[in-house]
Amino acid sequence: MRFRNICTADGTLFLDDKSYKVFYNVGAYGKEDEPELSALLQYLCERRATSGFTQHIDALVEKAKRNEKFRSTIIERVRSRARLKTFSDVDSKSAKADT
């Protein structure tokens, strides 16, 4: 199945950005006929690199994990999202209390 962007106000209006969304069940990597795609899905599922491509991805992941600036940026983004979620939860609770 493929999915495309569509306007919610006008169901006949499609965003012509040439993009499609494809969903995969990573746990079903063994049923995939294409070897490279199967290896990628297996890597995403089990974090086991079984092809040159997934070995390359794994090396990049390990390099990023050792990069302190990258780690700091990711940690700060996670903390910011947690704060935003907390503020959002507080706002929604106070809005319910006001009604």
PDB file of N, CA and C in Angstrom:
ATOM      1  N   MET A   1       0.821  -1.183   0.000  1.00  0.00           N
ATOM      2  CA  MET A   1       0.000   0.000   0.000  1.00  0.00           C
ATOM      3  C   MET A   1       0.864   1.245   0.000  1.00  0.00           C
ATOM      4  N   ARG A   2       0.408   2.267  -0.685  1.00  0.00           N
ATOM      5  CA  ARG A   2       1.092   3.554  -0.676  1.00  0.00           C
ATOM      6  C   ARG A   2       0.089   4.613  -0.245  1.00  0.00           C
ATOM      7  N   PHE A   3       0.576   5.621   0.460  1.00  0.00           N
ATOM      8  CA  PHE A   3      -0.257   6.698   0.945  1.00  0.00           C
ATOM      9  C   PHE A   3       0.301   8.017   0.446  1.00  0.00           C
ATOM     10  N   ARG A   4      -0.594   8.980   0.175  1.00  0.00           N
ATOM     11  CA  ARG A   4      -0.193  10.307  -0.279  1.00  0.00           C
ATOM     12  C   ARG A   4      -0.840  11.355   0.610  1.00  0.00           C
ATOM     13  N   ASN A   5      -0.281  12.569   0.554  1.00  0.00           N
ATOM     14  CA  ASN A   5      -0.845  13.683   1.308  1.00  0.00           C
ATOM     15  C   ASN A   5      -2.071  14.225   0.584  1.00  0.00           C
ATOM     16  N   ILE A   6      -3.129  14.473   1.349  1.00  0.00           N
ATOM     17  CA  ILE A   6      -4.378  14.985   0.799  1.00  0.00           C
ATOM     18  C   ILE A   6      -4.896  16.099   1.711  1.00  0.00           C
ATOM     19  N   CYS A   7      -5.566  17.071   1.139  1.00  0.00           N
ATOM     20  CA  CYS A   7      -6.132  18.176   1.906  1.00  0.00           C
ATOM     21  C   CYS A   7      -7.337  17.669   2.704  1.00  0.00           C
ATOM     22  N   THR A   8      -7.358  17.935   3.998  1.00  0.00           N
ATOM     23  CA  THR A   8      -8.480  17.463   4.822  1.00  0.00           C
ATOM     24  C   THR A   8      -9.748  18.278   4.578  1.00  0.00           C
ATOM     25  N   ALA A   9      -9.601  19.516   4.164  1.00  0.00           N
ATOM     26  CA  ALA A   9     -10.781  20.351   3.898  1.00  0.00           C
ATOM     27  C   ALA A   9     -11.406  20.034   2.539  1.00  0.00           C
ATOM     28  N   ASP A  10     -10.581  19.587   1.582  1.00  0.00           N
ATOM     29  CA  ASP A  10     -11.059  19.276   0.236  1.00  0.00           C
ATOM     30  C   ASP A  10     -10.411  17.970  -0.201  1.00  0.00           C
ATOM     31  N   GLY A  11     -11.119  16.874  -0.056  1.00  0.00           N
ATOM     32  CA  GLY A  11     -10.585  15.542  -0.330  1.00  0.00           C
ATOM     33  C   GLY A  11     -10.152  15.305  -1.766  1.00  0.00           C
ATOM     34  N   THR A  12     -10.448  16.240  -2.661  1.00  0.00           N
ATOM     35  CA  THR A  12     -10.021  16.080  -4.056  1.00  0.00           C
ATOM     36  C   THR A  12      -8.686  16.762  -4.317  1.00  0.00           C
ATOM     37  N   LEU A  13      -8.167  17.476  -3.323  1.00  0.00           N
ATOM     38  CA  LEU A  13      -6.919  18.220  -3.486  1.00  0.00           C
ATOM     39  C   LEU A  13      -5.758  17.429  -2.888  1.00  0.00           C
ATOM     40  N   PHE A  14      -4.845  16.998  -3.769  1.00  0.00           N
ATOM     41  CA  PHE A  14      -3.671  16.245  -3.349  1.00  0.00           C
ATOM     42  C   PHE A  14      -2.451  17.148  -3.353  1.00  0.00           C
ATOM     43  N   LEU A  15      -1.573  16.983  -2.381  1.00  0.00           N
ATOM     44  CA  LEU A  15      -0.310  17.696  -2.357  1.00  0.00           C
ATOM     45  C   LEU A  15       0.597  17.019  -3.381  1.00  0.00           C
ATOM     46  N   ASP A  16       0.932  17.726  -4.413  1.00  0.00           N
ATOM     47  CA  ASP A  16       1.708  17.139  -5.508  1.00  0.00           C
ATOM     48  C   ASP A  16       3.202  17.266  -5.234  1.00  0.00           C
ATOM     49  N   ASP A  17       3.650  16.702  -4.103  1.00  0.00           N
ATOM     50  CA  ASP A  17       5.068  16.802  -3.733  1.00  0.00           C
ATOM     51  C   ASP A  17       5.844  15.553  -4.136  1.00  0.00           C
ATOM     52  N   LYS A  18       5.197  14.672  -4.851  1.00  0.00           N
ATOM     53  CA  LYS A  18       5.833  13.447  -5.365  1.00  0.00           C
ATOM     54  C   LYS A  18       6.292  12.499  -4.261  1.00  0.00           C
ATOM     55  N   SER A  19       5.766  12.682  -3.059  1.00  0.00           N
ATOM     56  CA  SER A  19       6.162  11.787  -1.967  1.00  0.00           C
ATOM     57  C   SER A  19       5.056  10.777  -1.684  1.00  0.00           C
ATOM     58  N   TYR A  20       5.469   9.623  -1.227  1.00  0.00           N
ATOM     59  CA  TYR A  20       4.550   8.568  -0.815  1.00  0.00           C
ATOM     60  C   TYR A  20       5.011   8.046   0.530  1.00  0.00           C
ATOM     61  N   LYS A  21       4.083   7.558   1.312  1.00  0.00           N
ATOM     62  CA  LYS A  21       4.414   6.940   2.588  1.00  0.00           C
ATOM     63  C   LYS A  21       4.250   5.437   2.418  1.00  0.00           C
ATOM     64  N   VAL A  22       5.272   4.705   2.821  1.00  0.00           N
ATOM     65  CA  VAL A  22       5.239   3.245   2.726  1.00  0.00           C
ATOM     66  C   VAL A  22       5.469   2.712   4.134  1.00  0.00           C
ATOM     67  N   PHE A  23       4.617   1.801   4.569  1.00  0.00           N
ATOM     68  CA  PHE A  23       4.718   1.229   5.897  1.00  0.00           C
ATOM     69  C   PHE A  23       5.164  -0.226   5.795  1.00  0.00           C
ATOM     70  N   TYR A  24       6.095  -0.604   6.652  1.00  0.00           N
ATOM     71  CA  TYR A  24       6.601  -1.967   6.676  1.00  0.00           C
ATOM     72  C   TYR A  24       6.442  -2.541   8.071  1.00  0.00           C
ATOM     73  N   ASN A  25       6.185  -3.812   8.142  1.00  0.00           N
ATOM     74  CA  ASN A  25       6.193  -4.546   9.399  1.00  0.00           C
ATOM     75  C   ASN A  25       7.612  -5.081   9.552  1.00  0.00           C
ATOM     76  N   VAL A  26       8.442  -4.390  10.367  1.00  0.00           N
ATOM     77  CA  VAL A  26       9.845  -4.782  10.464  1.00  0.00           C
ATOM     78  C   VAL A  26      10.010  -6.190  11.006  1.00  0.00           C
ATOM     79  N   GLY A  27       9.049  -6.664  11.797  1.00  0.00           N
ATOM     80  CA  GLY A  27       9.128  -8.011  12.343  1.00  0.00           C
ATOM     81  C   GLY A  27       8.965  -9.090  11.287  1.00  0.00           C
ATOM     82  N   ALA A  28       8.475  -8.707  10.112  1.00  0.00           N
ATOM     83  CA  ALA A  28       8.278  -9.676   9.027  1.00  0.00           C
ATOM     84  C   ALA A  28       9.418  -9.603   8.009  1.00  0.00           C
ATOM     85  N   TYR A  29      10.609  -9.227   8.467  1.00  0.00           N
ATOM     86  CA  TYR A  29      11.744  -9.079   7.549  1.00  0.00           C
ATOM     87  C   TYR A  29      12.057 -10.376   6.817  1.00  0.00           C
ATOM     88  N   GLY A  30      11.784 -11.505   7.410  1.00  0.00           N
ATOM     89  CA  GLY A  30      12.060 -12.789   6.787  1.00  0.00           C
ATOM     90  C   GLY A  30      11.168 -13.085   5.588  1.00  0.00           C
ATOM     91  N   LYS A  31      10.057 -12.387   5.465  1.00  0.00           N
ATOM     92  CA  LYS A  31       9.130 -12.595   4.347  1.00  0.00           C
ATOM     93  C   LYS A  31       9.427 -11.674   3.168  1.00  0.00           C
ATOM     94  N   GLU A  32      10.363 -10.745   3.352  1.00  0.00           N
ATOM     95  CA  GLU A  32      10.694  -9.786   2.291  1.00  0.00           C
ATOM     96  C   GLU A  32      11.567 -10.456   1.237  1.00  0.00           C
ATOM     97  N   ASP A  33      11.199 -10.292  -0.044  1.00  0.00           N
ATOM     98  CA  ASP A  33      11.928 -10.923  -1.147  1.00  0.00           C
ATOM     99  C   ASP A  33      13.235 -10.209  -1.487  1.00  0.00           C
ATOM    100  N   GLU A  34      13.265  -8.886  -1.308  1.00  0.00           N
ATOM    101  CA  GLU A  34      14.457  -8.110  -1.662  1.00  0.00           C
ATOM    102  C   GLU A  34      15.488  -8.213  -0.536  1.00  0.00           C
ATOM    103  N   PRO A  35      16.663  -8.774  -0.790  1.00  0.00           N
ATOM    104  CA  PRO A  35      17.652  -9.015   0.274  1.00  0.00           C
ATOM    105  C   PRO A  35      18.080  -7.763   1.050  1.00  0.00           C
ATOM    106  N   GLU A  36      18.348  -6.645   0.341  1.00  0.00           N
ATOM    107  CA  GLU A  36      18.796  -5.434   1.048  1.00  0.00           C
ATOM    108  C   GLU A  36      17.699  -4.874   1.942  1.00  0.00           C
ATOM    109  N   LEU A  37      16.458  -4.895   1.467  1.00  0.00           N
ATOM    110  CA  LEU A  37      15.339  -4.406   2.283  1.00  0.00           C
ATOM    111  C   LEU A  37      15.133  -5.327   3.478  1.00  0.00           C
ATOM    112  N   SER A  38      15.245  -6.622   3.251  1.00  0.00           N
ATOM    113  CA  SER A  38      15.127  -7.583   4.340  1.00  0.00           C
ATOM    114  C   SER A  38      16.195  -7.332   5.398  1.00  0.00           C
ATOM    115  N   ALA A  39      17.429  -7.065   4.955  1.00  0.00           N
ATOM    116  CA  ALA A  39      18.530  -6.794   5.893  1.00  0.00           C
ATOM    117  C   ALA A  39      18.273  -5.516   6.679  1.00  0.00           C
ATOM    118  N   LEU A  40      17.742  -4.481   6.008  1.00  0.00           N
ATOM    119  CA  LEU A  40      17.441  -3.227   6.696  1.00  0.00           C
ATOM    120  C   LEU A  40      16.336  -3.427   7.729  1.00  0.00           C
ATOM    121  N   LEU A  41      15.278  -4.120   7.362  1.00  0.00           N
ATOM    122  CA  LEU A  41      14.186  -4.377   8.303  1.00  0.00           C
ATOM    123  C   LEU A  41      14.674  -5.204   9.488  1.00  0.00           C
ATOM    124  N   GLN A  42      15.535  -6.179   9.222  1.00  0.00           N
ATOM    125  CA  GLN A  42      16.096  -6.997  10.301  1.00  0.00           C
ATOM    126  C   GLN A  42      16.946  -6.124  11.224  1.00  0.00           C
ATOM    127  N   TYR A  43      17.718  -5.217  10.642  1.00  0.00           N
ATOM    128  CA  TYR A  43      18.538  -4.313  11.462  1.00  0.00           C
ATOM    129  C   TYR A  43      17.649  -3.449  12.350  1.00  0.00           C
ATOM    130  N   LEU A  44      16.590  -2.913  11.785  1.00  0.00           N
ATOM    131  CA  LEU A  44      15.672  -2.078  12.564  1.00  0.00           C
ATOM    132  C   LEU A  44      14.983  -2.874  13.665  1.00  0.00           C
ATOM    133  N   CYS A  45      14.722  -4.132  13.392  1.00  0.00           N
ATOM    134  CA  CYS A  45      14.023  -4.986  14.361  1.00  0.00           C
ATOM    135  C   CYS A  45      14.956  -5.520  15.439  1.00  0.00           C
ATOM    136  N   GLU A  46      16.112  -6.012  15.035  1.00  0.00           N
ATOM    137  CA  GLU A  46      16.998  -6.730  15.959  1.00  0.00           C
ATOM    138  C   GLU A  46      18.328  -6.033  16.223  1.00  0.00           C
ATOM    139  N   ARG A  47      18.574  -4.940  15.493  1.00  0.00           N
ATOM    140  CA  ARG A  47      19.858  -4.205  15.587  1.00  0.00           C
ATOM    141  C   ARG A  47      21.043  -5.131  15.281  1.00  0.00           C
ATOM    142  N   ARG A  48      20.839  -5.984  14.274  1.00  0.00           N
ATOM    143  CA  ARG A  48      21.893  -6.899  13.828  1.00  0.00           C
ATOM    144  C   ARG A  48      22.211  -6.585  12.372  1.00  0.00           C
ATOM    145  N   ALA A  49      23.432  -6.143  12.101  1.00  0.00           N
ATOM    146  CA  ALA A  49      23.844  -5.767  10.753  1.00  0.00           C
ATOM    147  C   ALA A  49      24.265  -7.011   9.975  1.00  0.00           C
ATOM    148  N   THR A  50      23.535  -7.293   8.895  1.00  0.00           N
ATOM    149  CA  THR A  50      23.803  -8.507   8.122  1.00  0.00           C
ATOM    150  C   THR A  50      24.174  -8.220   6.676  1.00  0.00           C
ATOM    151  N   SER A  51      24.291  -6.943   6.308  1.00  0.00           N
ATOM    152  CA  SER A  51      24.675  -6.593   4.937  1.00  0.00           C
ATOM    153  C   SER A  51      25.652  -5.430   5.000  1.00  0.00           C
ATOM    154  N   GLY A  52      26.282  -5.146   3.874  1.00  0.00           N
ATOM    155  CA  GLY A  52      27.199  -4.013   3.822  1.00  0.00           C
ATOM    156  C   GLY A  52      26.505  -2.709   4.172  1.00  0.00           C
ATOM    157  N   PHE A  53      25.287  -2.539   3.677  1.00  0.00           N
ATOM    158  CA  PHE A  53      24.529  -1.321   3.950  1.00  0.00           C
ATOM    159  C   PHE A  53      24.211  -1.174   5.438  1.00  0.00           C
ATOM    160  N   THR A  54      23.719  -2.246   6.054  1.00  0.00           N
ATOM    161  CA  THR A  54      23.369  -2.149   7.477  1.00  0.00           C
ATOM    162  C   THR A  54      24.617  -2.062   8.351  1.00  0.00           C
ATOM    163  N   GLN A  55      25.723  -2.633   7.892  1.00  0.00           N
ATOM    164  CA  GLN A  55      26.980  -2.472   8.633  1.00  0.00           C
ATOM    165  C   GLN A  55      27.427  -1.008   8.595  1.00  0.00           C
ATOM    166  N   HIS A  56      27.221  -0.364   7.456  1.00  0.00           N
ATOM    167  CA  HIS A  56      27.546   1.056   7.325  1.00  0.00           C
ATOM    168  C   HIS A  56      26.652   1.892   8.255  1.00  0.00           C
ATOM    169  N   ILE A  57      25.366   1.606   8.258  1.00  0.00           N
ATOM    170  CA  ILE A  57      24.431   2.313   9.149  1.00  0.00           C
ATOM    171  C   ILE A  57      24.844   2.104  10.600  1.00  0.00           C
ATOM    172  N   ASP A  58      25.167   0.869  10.955  1.00  0.00           N
ATOM    173  CA  ASP A  58      25.555   0.558  12.332  1.00  0.00           C
ATOM    174  C   ASP A  58      26.816   1.323  12.733  1.00  0.00           C
ATOM    175  N   ALA A  59      27.777   1.440  11.820  1.00  0.00           N
ATOM    176  CA  ALA A  59      28.994   2.195  12.108  1.00  0.00           C
ATOM    177  C   ALA A  59      28.674   3.675  12.338  1.00  0.00           C
ATOM    178  N   LEU A  60      27.759   4.228  11.535  1.00  0.00           N
ATOM    179  CA  LEU A  60      27.354   5.625  11.719  1.00  0.00           C
ATOM    180  C   LEU A  60      26.629   5.828  13.051  1.00  0.00           C
ATOM    181  N   VAL A  61      25.801   4.872  13.418  1.00  0.00           N
ATOM    182  CA  VAL A  61      25.092   4.944  14.706  1.00  0.00           C
ATOM    183  C   VAL A  61      26.092   4.929  15.853  1.00  0.00           C
ATOM    184  N   GLU A  62      27.047   4.026  15.793  1.00  0.00           N
ATOM    185  CA  GLU A  62      28.056   3.945  16.849  1.00  0.00           C
ATOM    186  C   GLU A  62      28.893   5.222  16.923  1.00  0.00           C
ATOM    187  N   LYS A  63      29.240   5.785  15.761  1.00  0.00           N
ATOM    188  CA  LYS A  63      29.993   7.036  15.733  1.00  0.00           C
ATOM    189  C   LYS A  63      29.179   8.160  16.375  1.00  0.00           C
ATOM    190  N   ALA A  64      27.897   8.236  16.049  1.00  0.00           N
ATOM    191  CA  ALA A  64      27.031   9.275  16.623  1.00  0.00           C
ATOM    192  C   ALA A  64      26.903   9.112  18.132  1.00  0.00           C
ATOM    193  N   LYS A  65      26.847   7.864  18.593  1.00  0.00           N
ATOM    194  CA  LYS A  65      26.740   7.615  20.041  1.00  0.00           C
ATOM    195  C   LYS A  65      27.983   8.086  20.783  1.00  0.00           C
ATOM    196  N   ARG A  66      29.125   8.058  20.119  1.00  0.00           N
ATOM    197  CA  ARG A  66      30.381   8.499  20.747  1.00  0.00           C
ATOM    198  C   ARG A  66      30.600  10.005  20.617  1.00  0.00           C
ATOM    199  N   ASN A  67      29.793  10.679  19.802  1.00  0.00           N
ATOM    200  CA  ASN A  67      29.942  12.106  19.566  1.00  0.00           C
ATOM    201  C   ASN A  67      29.215  12.875  20.671  1.00  0.00           C
ATOM    202  N   GLU A  68      29.969  13.505  21.555  1.00  0.00           N
ATOM    203  CA  GLU A  68      29.390  14.173  22.733  1.00  0.00           C
ATOM    204  C   GLU A  68      28.477  15.334  22.343  1.00  0.00           C
ATOM    205  N   LYS A  69      28.841  16.094  21.319  1.00  0.00           N
ATOM    206  CA  LYS A  69      27.982  17.212  20.891  1.00  0.00           C
ATOM    207  C   LYS A  69      26.643  16.688  20.387  1.00  0.00           C
ATOM    208  N   PHE A  70      26.675  15.623  19.592  1.00  0.00           N
ATOM    209  CA  PHE A  70      25.444  15.012  19.079  1.00  0.00           C
ATOM    210  C   PHE A  70      24.583  14.517  20.236  1.00  0.00           C
ATOM    211  N   ARG A  71      25.207  13.826  21.186  1.00  0.00           N
ATOM    212  CA  ARG A  71      24.474  13.293  22.342  1.00  0.00           C
ATOM    213  C   ARG A  71      23.835  14.420  23.145  1.00  0.00           C
ATOM    214  N   SER A  72      24.566  15.511  23.348  1.00  0.00           N
ATOM    215  CA  SER A  72      24.036  16.649  24.103  1.00  0.00           C
ATOM    216  C   SER A  72      22.836  17.266  23.400  1.00  0.00           C
ATOM    217  N   THR A  73      22.927  17.379  22.072  1.00  0.00           N
ATOM    218  CA  THR A  73      21.819  17.937  21.295  1.00  0.00           C
ATOM    219  C   THR A  73      20.581  17.060  21.421  1.00  0.00           C
ATOM    220  N   ILE A  74      20.752  15.762  21.288  1.00  0.00           N
ATOM    221  CA  ILE A  74      19.624  14.836  21.382  1.00  0.00           C
ATOM    222  C   ILE A  74      19.010  14.888  22.774  1.00  0.00           C
ATOM    223  N   ILE A  75      19.836  14.866  23.798  1.00  0.00           N
ATOM    224  CA  ILE A  75      19.332  14.902  25.178  1.00  0.00           C
ATOM    225  C   ILE A  75      18.551  16.189  25.421  1.00  0.00           C
ATOM    226  N   GLU A  76      19.050  17.314  24.932  1.00  0.00           N
ATOM    227  CA  GLU A  76      18.349  18.595  25.112  1.00  0.00           C
ATOM    228  C   GLU A  76      17.008  18.595  24.383  1.00  0.00           C
ATOM    229  N   ARG A  77      16.964  18.008  23.197  1.00  0.00           N
ATOM    230  CA  ARG A  77      15.683  17.920  22.462  1.00  0.00           C
ATOM    231  C   ARG A  77      14.675  17.061  23.213  1.00  0.00           C
ATOM    232  N   VAL A  78      15.132  15.970  23.770  1.00  0.00           N
ATOM    233  CA  VAL A  78      14.233  15.096  24.541  1.00  0.00           C
ATOM    234  C   VAL A  78      13.710  15.843  25.763  1.00  0.00           C
ATOM    235  N   ARG A  79      14.583  16.553  26.445  1.00  0.00           N
ATOM    236  CA  ARG A  79      14.167  17.318  27.623  1.00  0.00           C
ATOM    237  C   ARG A  79      13.182  18.419  27.243  1.00  0.00           C
ATOM    238  N   SER A  80      13.429  19.103  26.121  1.00  0.00           N
ATOM    239  CA  SER A  80      12.527  20.162  25.666  1.00  0.00           C
ATOM    240  C   SER A  80      11.146  19.599  25.354  1.00  0.00           C
ATOM    241  N   ARG A  81      11.115  18.467  24.679  1.00  0.00           N
ATOM    242  CA  ARG A  81       9.820  17.844  24.356  1.00  0.00           C
ATOM    243  C   ARG A  81       9.095  17.414  25.618  1.00  0.00           C
ATOM    244  N   ALA A  82       9.843  16.930  26.594  1.00  0.00           N
ATOM    245  CA  ALA A  82       9.225  16.521  27.855  1.00  0.00           C
ATOM    246  C   ALA A  82       8.633  17.735  28.562  1.00  0.00           C
ATOM    247  N   ARG A  83       9.353  18.865  28.542  1.00  0.00           N
ATOM    248  CA  ARG A  83       8.827  20.085  29.162  1.00  0.00           C
ATOM    249  C   ARG A  83       7.585  20.563  28.423  1.00  0.00           C
ATOM    250  N   LEU A  84       7.605  20.536  27.094  1.00  0.00           N
ATOM    251  CA  LEU A  84       6.443  20.956  26.321  1.00  0.00           C
ATOM    252  C   LEU A  84       5.250  20.066  26.608  1.00  0.00           C
ATOM    253  N   LYS A  85       5.479  18.773  26.710  1.00  0.00           N
ATOM    254  CA  LYS A  85       4.386  17.849  27.017  1.00  0.00           C
ATOM    255  C   LYS A  85       3.829  18.142  28.404  1.00  0.00           C
ATOM    256  N   THR A  86       4.705  18.421  29.357  1.00  0.00           N
ATOM    257  CA  THR A  86       4.259  18.740  30.712  1.00  0.00           C
ATOM    258  C   THR A  86       3.402  19.995  30.699  1.00  0.00           C
ATOM    259  N   PHE A  87       3.844  21.041  29.986  1.00  0.00           N
ATOM    260  CA  PHE A  87       3.061  22.277  29.896  1.00  0.00           C
ATOM    261  C   PHE A  87       1.731  22.019  29.199  1.00  0.00           C
ATOM    262  N   SER A  88       1.745  21.193  28.169  1.00  0.00           N
ATOM    263  CA  SER A  88       0.523  20.867  27.442  1.00  0.00           C
ATOM    264  C   SER A  88      -0.456  20.130  28.344  1.00  0.00           C
ATOM    265  N   ASP A  89       0.055  19.185  29.140  1.00  0.00           N
ATOM    266  CA  ASP A  89      -0.799  18.448  30.073  1.00  0.00           C
ATOM    267  C   ASP A  89      -1.397  19.380  31.114  1.00  0.00           C
ATOM    268  N   VAL A  90      -0.594  20.310  31.640  1.00  0.00           N
ATOM    269  CA  VAL A  90      -1.077  21.254  32.644  1.00  0.00           C
ATOM    270  C   VAL A  90      -2.150  22.147  32.038  1.00  0.00           C
ATOM    271  N   ASP A  91      -1.921  22.651  30.815  1.00  0.00           N
ATOM    272  CA  ASP A  91      -2.904  23.509  30.144  1.00  0.00           C
ATOM    273  C   ASP A  91      -4.222  22.789  29.911  1.00  0.00           C
ATOM    274  N   SER A  92      -4.152  21.524  29.466  1.00  0.00           N
ATOM    275  CA  SER A  92      -5.385  20.794  29.196  1.00  0.00           C
ATOM    276  C   SER A  92      -6.135  20.482  30.480  1.00  0.00           C
ATOM    277  N   LYS A  93      -5.408  20.220  31.575  1.00  0.00           N
ATOM    278  CA  LYS A  93      -6.068  19.960  32.845  1.00  0.00           C
ATOM    279  C   LYS A  93      -6.718  21.223  33.393  1.00  0.00           C
ATOM    280  N   SER A  94      -6.041  22.367  33.251  1.00  0.00           N
ATOM    281  CA  SER A  94      -6.632  23.598  33.762  1.00  0.00           C
ATOM    282  C   SER A  94      -7.822  24.017  32.898  1.00  0.00           C
ATOM    283  N   ALA A  95      -7.774  23.728  31.600  1.00  0.00           N
ATOM    284  CA  ALA A  95      -8.905  24.041  30.731  1.00  0.00           C
ATOM    285  C   ALA A  95     -10.114  23.204  31.109  1.00  0.00           C
ATOM    286  N   LYS A  96      -9.890  21.945  31.460  1.00  0.00           N
ATOM    287  CA  LYS A  96     -11.000  21.083  31.880  1.00  0.00           C
ATOM    288  C   LYS A  96     -11.565  21.569  33.208  1.00  0.00           C
ATOM    289  N   ALA A  97     -10.704  22.036  34.102  1.00  0.00           N
ATOM    290  CA  ALA A  97     -11.163  22.518  35.400  1.00  0.00           C
ATOM    291  C   ALA A  97     -11.973  23.793  35.265  1.00  0.00           C
ATOM    292  N   ASP A  98     -11.672  24.600  34.239  1.00  0.00           N
ATOM    293  CA  ASP A  98     -12.385  25.855  34.022  1.00  0.00           C
ATOM    294  C   ASP A  98     -13.777  25.648  33.495  1.00  0.00           C
ATOM    295  N   THR A  99     -14.053  24.493  32.884  1.00  0.00           N
ATOM    296  CA  THR A  99     -15.369  24.267  32.278  1.00  0.00           C
ATOM    297  C   THR A  99     -16.361  23.734  33.269  1.00  0.00           C
TER     298      THR A  99
END
